[in-house]
Amino acid sequence: MVIRAVMPADTGSQQLPARPDANETKSGVYPAQKPDWANLSILHRNTLPPRSSFVLYNTRDDALSRDPKKAKAQCLSGDRWQFHLANSPFEAPAGFENPAFDSGKWTKIEVPGMWQMQGFGRGPHYTNVQYPFNVDPPHPPYTDNECGSYLTRFRVLDDVQDDQLRLRFEGVDSAFHVWVNGREVGYSQGSRNPSEFDITEYVARGEENVLAVRVYQFCDGSYIEDQVSENLKRICRRLLTATGSMVAEWYLPRRLPTWLPEEDLLRGCNDPDLAR
């Protein structure tokens, strides 16, 4: 697959729109600092290192059952999310992440789900070699760049009250910020890659918590991701809180292959039980 920018010559008589004045949007002025979603030096903020996909269980038998309901995880997907769509990030409601924010007039949306397929925004819009926005790499559009704001509330389950809590997004298109109880947790982009955050210090145990997510239709990565794409923007995969440090128990074979020295297998392991 060839990734290329579409110049006026590629579109025949079609003329690309002029880039707006550097200080103006439809509803005001650009921020003093470059937004994360338009900053090539930022891919993630406060995300945990990538890992294989799994969850923890309380017992070996629970794990072997492969029953997700027995896992030490809490799924936050569903239809209890409130949603607001703006034409650009600069027209999105300010302060929506504050627990006291009044979202009573917002509508409900299914998560995961495509907002264009639930009656919001423009599209779907399939693109092949042409981009769905004015081509000015590496700058994403500041105006016609739909921005979805999501809100939900949750309580931490009783059996994970003392564990580390990780908030895991299996996929968000194309970039997003996340807040818990009004505090910014982090930022990530990379639509088909999981993003995981440690929210242990952000969560109130035994109380209702407010989770806020702001999703941006386009980011600087859209120049790579928006080829052969249907341009459906959303929290596109499941969302859950997983618990515990991600190393619970390791079972080593009684005999290791001769080509795999035991010291290599255990190198870098900080668990004294495994190093015996």
Protein backbone atom coordinates (compact mmCIF):
# COMPACT_ATOMS: atom_id res chain seq x y z
CA MET A 1 0.00 0.00 0.00
CA VAL A 2 1.28 3.43 -0.94
CA ILE A 3 0.64 6.30 1.42
CA ARG A 4 0.72 9.68 -0.23
CA ALA A 5 -0.72 13.14 0.22
CA VAL A 6 -3.27 14.25 -2.37
CA MET A 7 -2.23 17.43 -4.11
CA PRO A 8 -4.55 19.55 -6.32
CA ALA A 9 -3.26 17.81 -9.45
CA ASP A 10 -4.58 14.49 -8.15
CA THR A 11 -8.13 15.76 -7.81
CA GLY A 12 -8.72 17.19 -11.27
CA SER A 13 -10.77 20.35 -11.05
CA GLN A 14 -11.30 19.86 -7.32
CA GLN A 15 -9.53 22.55 -5.31
CA LEU A 16 -8.37 21.93 -1.78
CA PRO A 17 -9.66 24.47 0.74
CA ALA A 18 -7.26 27.10 1.95
CA ARG A 19 -5.80 26.62 5.39
CA PRO A 20 -7.53 28.92 7.90
CA ASP A 21 -5.74 31.82 9.45
CA ALA A 22 -3.20 30.59 12.01
CA ASN A 23 -5.03 32.31 14.86
CA GLU A 24 -8.66 31.56 14.06
CA THR A 25 -11.18 28.76 14.25
CA LYS A 26 -14.93 28.80 13.75
CA SER A 27 -15.45 29.59 17.40
CA GLY A 28 -12.38 31.48 18.57
CA VAL A 29 -8.61 31.32 18.62
CA TYR A 30 -6.07 28.53 18.69
CA PRO A 31 -4.55 27.68 22.07
CA ALA A 32 -1.23 29.20 23.07
CA GLN A 33 0.38 25.74 23.01
CA LYS A 34 0.10 23.06 20.34
CA PRO A 35 -2.51 20.45 21.32
CA ASP A 36 -1.32 16.93 22.03
CA TRP A 37 -3.20 15.61 19.00
CA ALA A 38 -1.25 18.01 16.75
CA ASN A 39 2.15 17.57 18.40
CA LEU A 40 4.52 15.16 16.64
CA SER A 41 6.63 14.83 19.79
CA ILE A 42 3.71 13.31 21.75
CA LEU A 43 2.25 9.87 21.09
CA HIS A 44 1.31 8.96 24.65
CA ARG A 45 1.28 10.60 28.04
CA ASN A 46 1.25 8.57 31.25
CA THR A 47 0.47 5.26 29.54
CA LEU A 48 1.87 2.01 30.89
CA PRO A 49 4.30 -0.07 28.79
CA PRO A 50 2.64 -2.33 26.20
CA ARG A 51 1.98 -5.93 27.25
CA SER A 52 0.26 -9.05 26.03
CA SER A 53 -3.51 -9.16 26.42
CA PHE A 54 -4.68 -10.99 29.54
CA VAL A 55 -6.43 -10.44 32.88
CA LEU A 56 -5.81 -11.87 36.33
CA TYR A 57 -7.89 -14.39 38.27
CA ASN A 58 -8.07 -15.16 41.98
CA THR A 59 -7.39 -18.88 41.57
CA ARG A 60 -5.88 -21.27 39.09
CA ASP A 61 -9.25 -22.96 38.58
CA ASP A 62 -10.91 -19.63 37.77
CA ALA A 63 -8.21 -18.90 35.21
CA LEU A 64 -8.57 -22.31 33.57
CA SER A 65 -12.32 -21.77 33.31
CA ARG A 66 -11.65 -18.89 30.87
CA ASP A 67 -14.77 -17.23 32.24
CA PRO A 68 -14.30 -13.43 32.02
CA LYS A 69 -16.92 -12.97 34.75
CA LYS A 70 -14.51 -14.62 37.21
CA ALA A 71 -11.59 -12.39 36.24
CA LYS A 72 -10.28 -9.59 38.41
CA ALA A 73 -11.55 -7.07 35.89
CA GLN A 74 -14.52 -4.74 35.61
CA CYS A 75 -15.97 -4.00 32.17
CA LEU A 76 -17.00 -0.36 31.72
CA SER A 77 -18.52 -0.83 28.28
CA GLY A 78 -22.27 -0.44 27.79
CA ASP A 79 -25.03 2.06 27.11
CA ARG A 80 -24.72 4.12 30.28
CA TRP A 81 -22.32 6.64 28.75
CA GLN A 82 -23.37 10.24 28.15
CA PHE A 83 -22.15 11.86 24.96
CA HIS A 84 -21.64 15.27 23.36
CA LEU A 85 -20.33 15.91 19.84
CA ALA A 86 -18.69 19.18 18.76
CA ASN A 87 -17.44 20.25 15.35
CA SER A 88 -13.93 20.77 16.69
CA PRO A 89 -11.99 20.30 19.95
CA PHE A 90 -12.18 24.05 20.49
CA GLU A 91 -15.97 23.98 20.48
CA ALA A 92 -16.23 21.08 22.94
CA PRO A 93 -17.67 21.88 26.39
CA ALA A 94 -15.00 23.16 28.74
CA GLY A 95 -14.67 21.57 32.17
CA PHE A 96 -16.81 18.54 31.28
CA GLU A 97 -14.40 16.30 33.22
CA ASN A 98 -15.31 18.03 36.49
CA PRO A 99 -17.56 15.76 38.61
CA ALA A 100 -19.87 18.74 39.20
CA PHE A 101 -20.37 19.38 35.46
CA ASP A 102 -24.03 19.33 34.42
CA SER A 103 -24.43 16.82 31.58
CA GLY A 104 -28.16 16.35 32.10
CA LYS A 105 -29.02 17.41 28.54
CA TRP A 106 -26.48 15.10 26.90
CA THR A 107 -27.66 12.04 25.02
CA LYS A 108 -26.71 8.40 25.65
CA ILE A 109 -24.31 6.40 23.49
CA GLU A 110 -23.16 2.79 23.31
CA VAL A 111 -19.52 2.09 24.14
CA PRO A 112 -17.77 0.60 22.30
CA GLY A 113 -19.45 1.94 19.22
CA MET A 114 -19.11 4.26 16.24
CA TRP A 115 -20.72 7.62 16.84
CA GLN A 116 -21.47 8.01 13.10
CA MET A 117 -23.49 4.79 13.25
CA GLN A 118 -25.46 6.02 16.26
CA GLY A 119 -26.85 9.18 14.67
CA PHE A 120 -24.00 11.61 15.38
CA GLY A 121 -21.68 13.58 13.11
CA ARG A 122 -20.80 13.20 9.45
CA GLY A 123 -20.16 9.96 7.64
CA PRO A 124 -19.37 7.20 7.34
CA HIS A 125 -16.89 8.41 4.73
CA TYR A 126 -14.67 5.82 3.07
CA THR A 127 -11.34 7.08 1.74
CA ASN A 128 -8.70 5.37 -0.34
CA VAL A 129 -5.92 7.67 -1.55
CA GLN A 130 -7.70 10.96 -0.89
CA TYR A 131 -7.71 12.42 2.58
CA PRO A 132 -11.00 13.55 4.14
CA PHE A 133 -9.45 16.85 5.23
CA ASN A 134 -7.21 19.58 3.86
CA VAL A 135 -3.73 18.16 3.29
CA ASP A 136 -1.10 20.13 5.18
CA PRO A 137 1.21 17.55 6.78
CA PRO A 138 1.92 17.11 9.58
CA HIS A 139 -0.92 19.40 10.72
CA PRO A 140 -4.35 17.89 11.39
CA PRO A 141 -7.40 20.10 10.82
CA TYR A 142 -8.24 22.47 13.65
CA THR A 143 -11.79 23.25 12.51
CA ASP A 144 -13.69 20.38 10.86
CA ASN A 145 -12.31 17.87 13.33
CA GLU A 146 -15.21 16.33 15.22
CA CYS A 147 -14.67 15.87 18.94
CA GLY A 148 -16.66 13.44 21.07
CA SER A 149 -16.90 13.93 24.84
CA TYR A 150 -17.88 10.86 26.89
CA LEU A 151 -18.93 10.61 30.54
CA THR A 152 -19.78 7.67 32.77
CA ARG A 153 -19.75 6.78 36.46
CA PHE A 154 -18.57 3.61 38.16
CA ARG A 155 -17.73 2.07 41.51
CA VAL A 156 -14.75 -0.15 42.15
CA LEU A 157 -15.77 -3.73 42.89
CA ASP A 158 -15.34 -4.90 46.49
CA ASP A 159 -12.96 -7.76 45.68
CA VAL A 160 -10.39 -5.45 44.07
CA GLN A 161 -10.42 -2.67 46.64
CA ASP A 162 -6.80 -3.30 47.66
CA ASP A 163 -5.36 -3.94 44.21
CA GLN A 164 -3.62 -1.78 41.68
CA LEU A 165 -6.19 -0.55 39.16
CA ARG A 166 -5.47 -0.20 35.48
CA LEU A 167 -7.78 1.46 33.00
CA ARG A 168 -7.42 -0.28 29.65
CA PHE A 169 -8.74 0.98 26.31
CA GLU A 170 -8.54 -1.76 23.70
CA GLY A 171 -8.79 0.81 20.89
CA VAL A 172 -9.78 4.46 20.37
CA ASP A 173 -9.87 6.20 16.98
CA SER A 174 -7.94 8.36 16.51
CA ALA A 175 -6.70 10.04 19.72
CA PHE A 176 -8.03 10.77 23.19
CA HIS A 177 -7.54 12.29 26.64
CA VAL A 178 -8.87 10.64 29.80
CA TRP A 179 -9.76 12.02 33.24
CA VAL A 180 -10.89 10.34 36.45
CA ASN A 181 -12.73 12.43 39.05
CA GLY A 182 -11.66 15.65 37.36
CA ARG A 183 -7.95 14.81 37.27
CA GLU A 184 -6.25 14.29 33.95
CA VAL A 185 -4.85 10.76 33.73
CA GLY A 186 -3.21 10.85 30.33
CA TYR A 187 -3.35 10.91 26.55
CA SER A 188 -2.85 8.37 23.79
CA GLN A 189 -3.12 7.91 20.05
CA GLY A 190 -2.79 4.88 17.80
CA SER A 191 -6.28 3.77 16.91
CA ARG A 192 -5.87 -0.01 16.89
CA ASN A 193 -3.42 -0.27 19.77
CA PRO A 194 -4.46 -0.78 23.40
CA SER A 195 -3.69 2.03 25.84
CA GLU A 196 -3.44 1.32 29.56
CA PHE A 197 -3.24 3.73 32.50
CA ASP A 198 -2.57 3.22 36.20
CA ILE A 199 -5.55 4.93 37.89
CA THR A 200 -4.96 3.60 41.41
CA GLU A 201 -4.31 7.04 42.89
CA TYR A 202 -7.16 8.67 40.97
CA VAL A 203 -9.98 6.38 42.10
CA ALA A 204 -12.09 6.82 45.23
CA ARG A 205 -12.64 3.42 46.89
CA GLY A 206 -16.17 2.74 48.00
CA GLU A 207 -17.50 5.83 46.23
CA GLU A 208 -18.85 6.74 42.81
CA ASN A 209 -16.16 7.75 40.33
CA VAL A 210 -16.49 9.91 37.22
CA LEU A 211 -14.68 8.79 34.07
CA ALA A 212 -14.38 11.36 31.26
CA VAL A 213 -12.93 10.70 27.81
CA ARG A 214 -12.48 13.15 24.95
CA VAL A 215 -11.96 11.60 21.50
CA TYR A 216 -10.56 13.50 18.50
CA GLN A 217 -11.58 12.55 14.96
CA PHE A 218 -8.23 13.50 13.44
CA CYS A 219 -4.72 13.84 14.84
CA ASP A 220 -1.27 14.10 13.29
CA GLY A 221 -1.30 10.30 13.03
CA SER A 222 -4.29 10.50 10.68
CA TYR A 223 -1.86 11.09 7.81
CA ILE A 224 -0.78 7.48 8.33
CA GLU A 225 -4.05 5.92 9.51
CA ASP A 226 -6.60 7.51 7.18
CA GLN A 227 -5.68 5.58 4.05
CA VAL A 228 -8.15 2.86 3.04
CA SER A 229 -10.34 3.83 5.97
CA GLU A 230 -14.06 4.21 6.58
CA ASN A 231 -13.44 7.19 8.92
CA LEU A 232 -15.71 5.92 11.66
CA LYS A 233 -14.57 7.52 14.90
CA ARG A 234 -15.23 6.07 18.31
CA ILE A 235 -14.11 4.16 21.33
CA CYS A 236 -13.94 1.16 19.05
CA ARG A 237 -13.11 -1.69 21.40
CA ARG A 238 -13.99 -2.70 24.93
CA LEU A 239 -13.03 -0.66 27.97
CA LEU A 240 -12.24 -2.19 31.34
CA THR A 241 -10.41 -1.82 34.62
CA ALA A 242 -7.95 -4.63 35.26
CA THR A 243 -6.37 -5.28 38.62
CA GLY A 244 -3.09 -6.27 40.19
CA SER A 245 0.48 -6.12 39.07
CA MET A 246 0.70 -7.90 35.78
CA VAL A 247 2.88 -10.76 37.07
CA ALA A 248 0.90 -13.04 39.36
CA GLU A 249 2.37 -16.55 39.23
CA TRP A 250 4.82 -18.07 36.80
CA TYR A 251 5.03 -21.80 36.24
CA LEU A 252 8.38 -23.02 34.92
CA PRO A 253 8.77 -26.38 33.20
CA ARG A 254 10.67 -29.01 35.14
CA ARG A 255 13.17 -29.30 32.34
CA LEU A 256 14.35 -26.36 30.29
CA PRO A 257 15.68 -26.78 26.77
CA THR A 258 19.45 -27.01 26.66
CA TRP A 259 19.53 -23.91 24.51
CA LEU A 260 17.68 -21.83 27.16
CA PRO A 261 19.82 -21.37 30.31
CA GLU A 262 17.74 -20.80 33.41
CA GLU A 263 19.64 -17.64 34.27
CA ASP A 264 18.56 -16.12 30.95
CA LEU A 265 14.93 -16.94 31.64
CA LEU A 266 15.00 -15.32 35.06
CA ARG A 267 17.26 -12.39 34.22
CA GLY A 268 15.69 -9.11 35.28
CA CYS A 269 13.08 -10.79 37.49
CA ASN A 270 12.59 -8.99 40.79
CA ASP A 271 10.42 -11.64 42.42
CA PRO A 272 12.55 -13.54 44.99
CA ASP A 273 10.22 -16.54 44.82
CA LEU A 274 11.01 -16.98 41.17
CA ALA A 275 14.72 -16.57 41.65
CA ARG A 276 15.11 -19.43 44.12
